[in-house]
Amino acid sequence: MTGVGGFTVVGAATVAATSFLRLERLHLSAPDGTAVRRDVVRHPGAVAVVAVTGDGADGAVALLRQYRAPVNAEILEIPAGKLDIDGEDPEDAVRRELAEEAGLVPGELRLLADFYSAPGFTDERMRLYLATGCTPTERVPHGVEEEAAELVMVPVGDLPAMISAGVVGDAKSLVGLLMLLGEQG
């Protein structure tokens, strides 16, 4: 197998698999020859979207207050979802997730960032979009968490204080909201 940075994957085995995640145990050879074992979560990837209605400082951003089982808490976050439909284009996934979760259709859609969410344990790649000129459509929640989620429209001008106060605390939302604020100067 090929190596990167002096590390070579010499073996891999699936430890567990779910409907969309797979836990793999990797066996590596380090640059000094040391044998290393790492457990890695394989993920199909995801999309997230900063959805803005209105213009500039007069606009509002769609956030969801949604229960997240891994942290047993409600989190205020931007709409997002897995790339779990075979062959689905990420932009189509963003449009689908935005309608399902927030009941919005983007006027314009632009890729803001493409990054690994937590490369210390997973290969999940997040594609983050900006949707402007959003207009209402029927909200079609998918799953019990989305059905229970509350849509919160936050004025763009309120975002800096919310971020500073720790009201928004997940990485994808912080990246997206800070990029939006950075673009507005």
Protein backbone atom coordinates (compact mmCIF):
# COMPACT_ATOMS: atom_id res chain seq x y z
CA MET A 1 0.00 0.00 0.00
CA THR A 2 1.11 3.58 -0.54
CA GLY A 3 2.60 5.77 2.14
CA VAL A 4 2.17 9.41 3.05
CA GLY A 5 4.62 11.38 5.17
CA GLY A 6 6.56 8.22 5.89
CA PHE A 7 3.49 6.36 7.20
CA THR A 8 2.27 3.30 5.30
CA VAL A 9 -1.06 1.53 5.74
CA VAL A 10 -0.14 -2.16 5.87
CA GLY A 11 -3.58 -3.51 6.74
CA ALA A 12 -7.18 -2.57 7.47
CA ALA A 13 -10.18 -4.40 8.88
CA THR A 14 -13.80 -3.38 9.40
CA VAL A 15 -14.64 -3.55 13.12
CA ALA A 16 -18.29 -2.42 12.86
CA ALA A 17 -20.65 -1.00 10.27
CA THR A 18 -23.98 0.83 10.46
CA SER A 19 -26.32 2.17 7.82
CA PHE A 20 -23.87 4.94 6.93
CA LEU A 21 -20.77 4.70 9.18
CA ARG A 22 -17.98 2.16 9.27
CA LEU A 23 -15.36 1.72 11.99
CA GLU A 24 -12.05 0.52 10.58
CA ARG A 25 -8.94 -0.59 12.41
CA LEU A 26 -5.85 0.48 10.45
CA HIS A 27 -2.43 -1.07 10.87
CA LEU A 28 0.33 1.37 9.96
CA SER A 29 4.07 1.40 9.70
CA ALA A 30 5.50 4.69 11.08
CA PRO A 31 8.53 6.41 9.50
CA ASP A 32 10.83 4.74 12.05
CA GLY A 33 9.29 1.32 11.36
CA THR A 34 7.14 1.23 14.49
CA ALA A 35 3.85 -0.66 14.10
CA VAL A 36 0.88 1.56 14.92
CA ARG A 37 -2.84 0.83 15.19
CA ARG A 38 -5.49 3.50 14.62
CA ASP A 39 -9.28 3.21 14.72
CA VAL A 40 -10.95 5.37 12.07
CA VAL A 41 -14.61 6.25 11.46
CA ARG A 42 -15.43 6.21 7.73
CA HIS A 43 -18.17 8.69 6.79
CA PRO A 44 -19.84 9.37 3.41
CA GLY A 45 -19.33 13.13 3.75
CA ALA A 46 -21.73 15.94 4.51
CA VAL A 47 -22.97 19.33 3.41
CA ALA A 48 -23.86 22.38 5.47
CA VAL A 49 -25.32 25.72 4.49
CA VAL A 50 -25.39 29.28 5.79
CA ALA A 51 -28.83 30.30 4.51
CA VAL A 52 -29.52 34.04 4.38
CA THR A 53 -32.82 35.78 3.78
CA GLY A 54 -32.89 39.51 3.07
CA ASP A 55 -29.85 41.64 2.25
CA GLY A 56 -26.64 42.42 4.12
CA ALA A 57 -26.99 43.57 7.71
CA ASP A 58 -30.79 43.54 7.25
CA GLY A 59 -30.69 39.83 6.48
CA ALA A 60 -31.33 36.89 8.75
CA VAL A 61 -29.66 33.49 8.97
CA ALA A 62 -31.57 30.23 9.34
CA LEU A 63 -30.42 28.23 12.37
CA LEU A 64 -31.89 25.08 13.86
CA ARG A 65 -32.21 24.33 17.53
CA GLN A 66 -31.88 20.57 17.32
CA TYR A 67 -31.29 17.69 19.73
CA ARG A 68 -27.95 15.93 19.22
CA ALA A 69 -27.69 12.54 20.94
CA PRO A 70 -23.84 12.34 21.08
CA VAL A 71 -23.73 15.40 23.37
CA ASN A 72 -27.24 14.93 24.85
CA ALA A 73 -28.07 18.55 24.22
CA GLU A 74 -29.93 20.89 21.92
CA ILE A 75 -27.48 22.66 19.63
CA LEU A 76 -28.10 25.85 17.64
CA GLU A 77 -26.60 25.13 14.22
CA ILE A 78 -26.81 25.78 10.51
CA PRO A 79 -28.74 23.28 8.36
CA ALA A 80 -26.65 20.26 7.36
CA GLY A 81 -26.90 16.66 6.31
CA LYS A 82 -25.11 13.55 5.15
CA LEU A 83 -24.21 12.73 1.57
CA ASP A 84 -26.00 9.42 1.91
CA ILE A 85 -27.82 9.21 -1.43
CA ASP A 86 -25.67 7.42 -3.99
CA GLY A 87 -24.62 9.73 -6.82
CA GLU A 88 -26.27 12.83 -5.35
CA ASP A 89 -24.42 16.03 -6.22
CA PRO A 90 -23.43 18.04 -3.09
CA GLU A 91 -25.31 21.12 -4.36
CA ASP A 92 -28.46 19.03 -4.79
CA ALA A 93 -27.95 17.68 -1.27
CA VAL A 94 -27.72 21.26 0.07
CA ARG A 95 -30.96 22.20 -1.67
CA ARG A 96 -32.67 19.06 -0.29
CA GLU A 97 -31.41 19.60 3.27
CA LEU A 98 -32.31 23.30 3.23
CA ALA A 99 -35.89 22.53 2.19
CA GLU A 100 -36.23 19.61 4.63
CA GLU A 101 -34.81 21.37 7.67
CA ALA A 102 -35.50 25.08 7.16
CA GLY A 103 -38.24 25.27 4.54
CA LEU A 104 -36.07 27.46 2.30
CA VAL A 105 -35.03 27.49 -1.36
CA PRO A 106 -31.76 29.24 -2.21
CA GLY A 107 -31.70 32.00 -4.83
CA GLU A 108 -27.94 31.63 -5.25
CA LEU A 109 -25.64 28.93 -3.90
CA ARG A 110 -21.86 29.22 -3.55
CA LEU A 111 -19.25 26.90 -2.05
CA LEU A 112 -17.54 28.62 0.92
CA ALA A 113 -15.25 25.86 2.18
CA ASP A 114 -14.40 22.19 1.82
CA PHE A 115 -12.78 20.71 4.94
CA TYR A 116 -12.36 17.65 7.17
CA SER A 117 -14.59 17.97 10.23
CA ALA A 118 -12.42 16.00 12.70
CA PRO A 119 -9.45 14.32 10.95
CA GLY A 120 -8.11 12.92 14.22
CA PHE A 121 -10.69 10.11 14.08
CA THR A 122 -12.86 10.41 10.94
CA ASP A 123 -12.53 10.99 7.21
CA GLU A 124 -15.78 13.01 7.10
CA ARG A 125 -15.43 15.78 4.52
CA MET A 126 -17.74 18.75 4.96
CA ARG A 127 -18.74 20.97 2.05
CA LEU A 128 -19.98 24.31 3.36
CA TYR A 129 -22.16 26.54 1.20
CA LEU A 130 -23.59 30.05 1.34
CA ALA A 131 -27.19 30.35 0.15
CA THR A 132 -28.45 33.87 -0.51
CA GLY A 133 -31.79 35.18 -1.67
CA CYS A 134 -33.55 32.35 0.15
CA THR A 135 -37.32 32.13 -0.18
CA PRO A 136 -39.82 30.04 1.81
CA THR A 137 -41.05 26.63 0.72
CA GLU A 138 -42.74 23.77 2.51
CA ARG A 139 -40.60 22.39 5.32
CA VAL A 140 -40.37 18.60 5.01
CA PRO A 141 -38.50 17.28 8.06
CA HIS A 142 -36.82 13.89 7.71
CA GLY A 143 -36.41 11.97 10.96
CA VAL A 144 -37.48 12.54 14.54
CA GLU A 145 -34.75 15.09 15.36
CA GLU A 146 -35.68 17.27 12.37
CA GLU A 147 -39.38 16.99 13.22
CA ALA A 148 -38.67 18.23 16.74
CA ALA A 149 -36.18 20.92 15.63
CA GLU A 150 -37.04 24.59 15.96
CA LEU A 151 -36.20 26.96 13.10
CA VAL A 152 -34.66 30.17 14.46
CA MET A 153 -34.13 33.13 12.14
CA VAL A 154 -31.29 35.21 13.56
CA PRO A 155 -30.55 38.74 12.33
CA VAL A 156 -27.05 38.91 10.85
CA GLY A 157 -26.25 41.79 13.21
CA ASP A 158 -26.87 39.53 16.23
CA LEU A 159 -24.37 36.86 15.14
CA PRO A 160 -21.15 38.34 16.62
CA ALA A 161 -22.64 38.57 20.13
CA MET A 162 -24.12 35.06 19.88
CA ILE A 163 -20.79 33.63 18.76
CA SER A 164 -18.87 35.47 21.50
CA ALA A 165 -21.34 34.24 24.12
CA GLY A 166 -20.91 30.62 23.01
CA VAL A 167 -24.54 30.28 21.92
CA VAL A 168 -23.33 28.67 18.68
CA GLY A 169 -20.82 25.96 19.50
CA ASP A 170 -20.43 23.44 16.70
CA ALA A 171 -17.53 23.71 14.28
CA LYS A 172 -19.39 23.79 10.95
CA SER A 173 -21.70 26.56 12.17
CA LEU A 174 -18.87 28.63 13.60
CA VAL A 175 -16.85 28.31 10.38
CA GLY A 176 -19.84 29.23 8.23
CA LEU A 177 -21.09 32.12 10.33
CA LEU A 178 -17.60 33.60 10.76
CA MET A 179 -17.01 33.35 7.00
CA LEU A 180 -20.32 35.14 6.39
CA LEU A 181 -19.35 37.91 8.82
CA GLY A 182 -15.88 38.15 7.27
CA GLU A 183 -17.38 38.67 3.82
CA GLN A 184 -19.55 41.50 5.12
CA GLY A 185 -16.50 43.33 6.40
